[in-house]
Amino acid sequence: MYKFIEASTNSMSTAPMTGLAEQIQAVEDLGWKLDKMTAAEGKALTGERIALICLFRRAASAAGQT
């Protein structure tokens, strides 16, 4: 599982999570496949945050490799 966290939601503006596609691609390049993705909202000392939680599974071709 991998979690991508957006900056504070207190800014009152929305924007794409820059570089997300590249980060997912980097994980997939290591032999993992994105299986599920969900968004979550949480609170931290610095304010509210949005996170994308991604579940990766070993790609079928990489699962048998050592």
C-alpha atoms as a PDB file:
ATOM      1  CA  MET A   1       0.000   0.000   0.000  1.00  0.00           C
ATOM      2  CA  TYR A   2       1.222   3.487  -0.766  1.00  0.00           C
ATOM      3  CA  LYS A   3      -0.255   6.792   0.358  1.00  0.00           C
ATOM      4  CA  PHE A   4       0.080  10.045  -1.576  1.00  0.00           C
ATOM      5  CA  ILE A   5      -0.713  13.076   0.600  1.00  0.00           C
ATOM      6  CA  GLU A   6      -1.845  16.441  -0.693  1.00  0.00           C
ATOM      7  CA  ALA A   7      -0.895  19.642   1.034  1.00  0.00           C
ATOM      8  CA  SER A   8      -3.291  21.288   3.448  1.00  0.00           C
ATOM      9  CA  THR A   9      -6.907  21.737   2.413  1.00  0.00           C
ATOM     10  CA  ASN A  10      -7.055  25.038   4.311  1.00  0.00           C
ATOM     11  CA  SER A  11      -5.875  26.925   1.231  1.00  0.00           C
ATOM     12  CA  MET A  12      -9.496  27.074  -0.046  1.00  0.00           C
ATOM     13  CA  SER A  13      -8.326  26.181  -3.540  1.00  0.00           C
ATOM     14  CA  THR A  14      -8.207  22.924  -5.412  1.00  0.00           C
ATOM     15  CA  ALA A  15      -5.532  21.664  -7.715  1.00  0.00           C
ATOM     16  CA  PRO A  16      -4.383  18.353  -9.063  1.00  0.00           C
ATOM     17  CA  MET A  17      -1.885  16.407  -7.026  1.00  0.00           C
ATOM     18  CA  THR A  18       1.028  17.182  -9.303  1.00  0.00           C
ATOM     19  CA  GLY A  19       3.260  14.327 -10.288  1.00  0.00           C
ATOM     20  CA  LEU A  20       0.814  11.646  -9.151  1.00  0.00           C
ATOM     21  CA  ALA A  21       0.787   9.835 -12.482  1.00  0.00           C
ATOM     22  CA  GLU A  22       4.580   9.832 -12.523  1.00  0.00           C
ATOM     23  CA  GLN A  23       4.723   8.460  -8.969  1.00  0.00           C
ATOM     24  CA  ILE A  24       2.277   5.667  -9.798  1.00  0.00           C
ATOM     25  CA  GLN A  25       4.274   4.882 -12.938  1.00  0.00           C
ATOM     26  CA  ALA A  26       7.492   4.718 -10.909  1.00  0.00           C
ATOM     27  CA  VAL A  27       5.935   2.135  -8.563  1.00  0.00           C
ATOM     28  CA  GLU A  28       4.593   0.150 -11.516  1.00  0.00           C
ATOM     29  CA  ASP A  29       8.040   0.213 -13.133  1.00  0.00           C
ATOM     30  CA  LEU A  30       9.264  -1.722 -10.080  1.00  0.00           C
ATOM     31  CA  GLY A  31       6.942  -4.622 -10.942  1.00  0.00           C
ATOM     32  CA  TRP A  32       3.798  -3.576  -9.061  1.00  0.00           C
ATOM     33  CA  LYS A  33       0.338  -2.987 -10.563  1.00  0.00           C
ATOM     34  CA  LEU A  34      -2.163  -0.466  -9.242  1.00  0.00           C
ATOM     35  CA  ASP A  35      -5.152  -2.521  -8.068  1.00  0.00           C
ATOM     36  CA  LYS A  36      -7.326  -0.086  -6.073  1.00  0.00           C
ATOM     37  CA  MET A  37      -7.323   3.597  -5.196  1.00  0.00           C
ATOM     38  CA  THR A  38      -9.383   5.598  -2.721  1.00  0.00           C
ATOM     39  CA  ALA A  39      -9.361   9.111  -1.325  1.00  0.00           C
ATOM     40  CA  ALA A  40      -9.323   9.834   2.392  1.00  0.00           C
ATOM     41  CA  GLU A  41      -9.545  13.002   4.411  1.00  0.00           C
ATOM     42  CA  GLY A  42      -7.854  13.399   7.740  1.00  0.00           C
ATOM     43  CA  LYS A  43      -6.767  15.958  10.257  1.00  0.00           C
ATOM     44  CA  ALA A  44      -3.240  16.664  11.394  1.00  0.00           C
ATOM     45  CA  LEU A  45      -1.688  19.293  13.600  1.00  0.00           C
ATOM     46  CA  THR A  46      -1.126  21.398  10.494  1.00  0.00           C
ATOM     47  CA  GLY A  47      -4.733  21.194   9.269  1.00  0.00           C
ATOM     48  CA  GLU A  48      -6.888  18.950   7.153  1.00  0.00           C
ATOM     49  CA  ARG A  49      -5.229  16.799   4.524  1.00  0.00           C
ATOM     50  CA  ILE A  50      -6.391  14.759   1.581  1.00  0.00           C
ATOM     51  CA  ALA A  51      -4.666  11.481   0.800  1.00  0.00           C
ATOM     52  CA  LEU A  52      -4.937   9.025  -2.049  1.00  0.00           C
ATOM     53  CA  ILE A  53      -4.392   5.522  -0.765  1.00  0.00           C
ATOM     54  CA  CYS A  54      -3.236   3.148  -3.463  1.00  0.00           C
ATOM     55  CA  LEU A  55      -3.140  -0.623  -3.224  1.00  0.00           C
ATOM     56  CA  PHE A  56      -0.528  -2.150  -5.498  1.00  0.00           C
ATOM     57  CA  ARG A  57      -0.144  -5.867  -6.178  1.00  0.00           C
ATOM     58  CA  ARG A  58       2.763  -7.634  -7.772  1.00  0.00           C
ATOM     59  CA  ALA A  59       2.249  -7.812 -11.510  1.00  0.00           C
ATOM     60  CA  ALA A  60       1.689 -11.388 -12.731  1.00  0.00           C
ATOM     61  CA  SER A  61       4.942 -11.370 -14.726  1.00  0.00           C
ATOM     62  CA  ALA A  62       6.951 -10.146 -11.691  1.00  0.00           C
ATOM     63  CA  ALA A  63       5.296 -12.403  -9.094  1.00  0.00           C
ATOM     64  CA  GLY A  64       7.259 -15.487 -10.136  1.00  0.00           C
ATOM     65  CA  GLN A  65      10.609 -13.701 -10.291  1.00  0.00           C
ATOM     66  CA  THR A  66      13.086 -13.745  -7.427  1.00  0.00           C
END
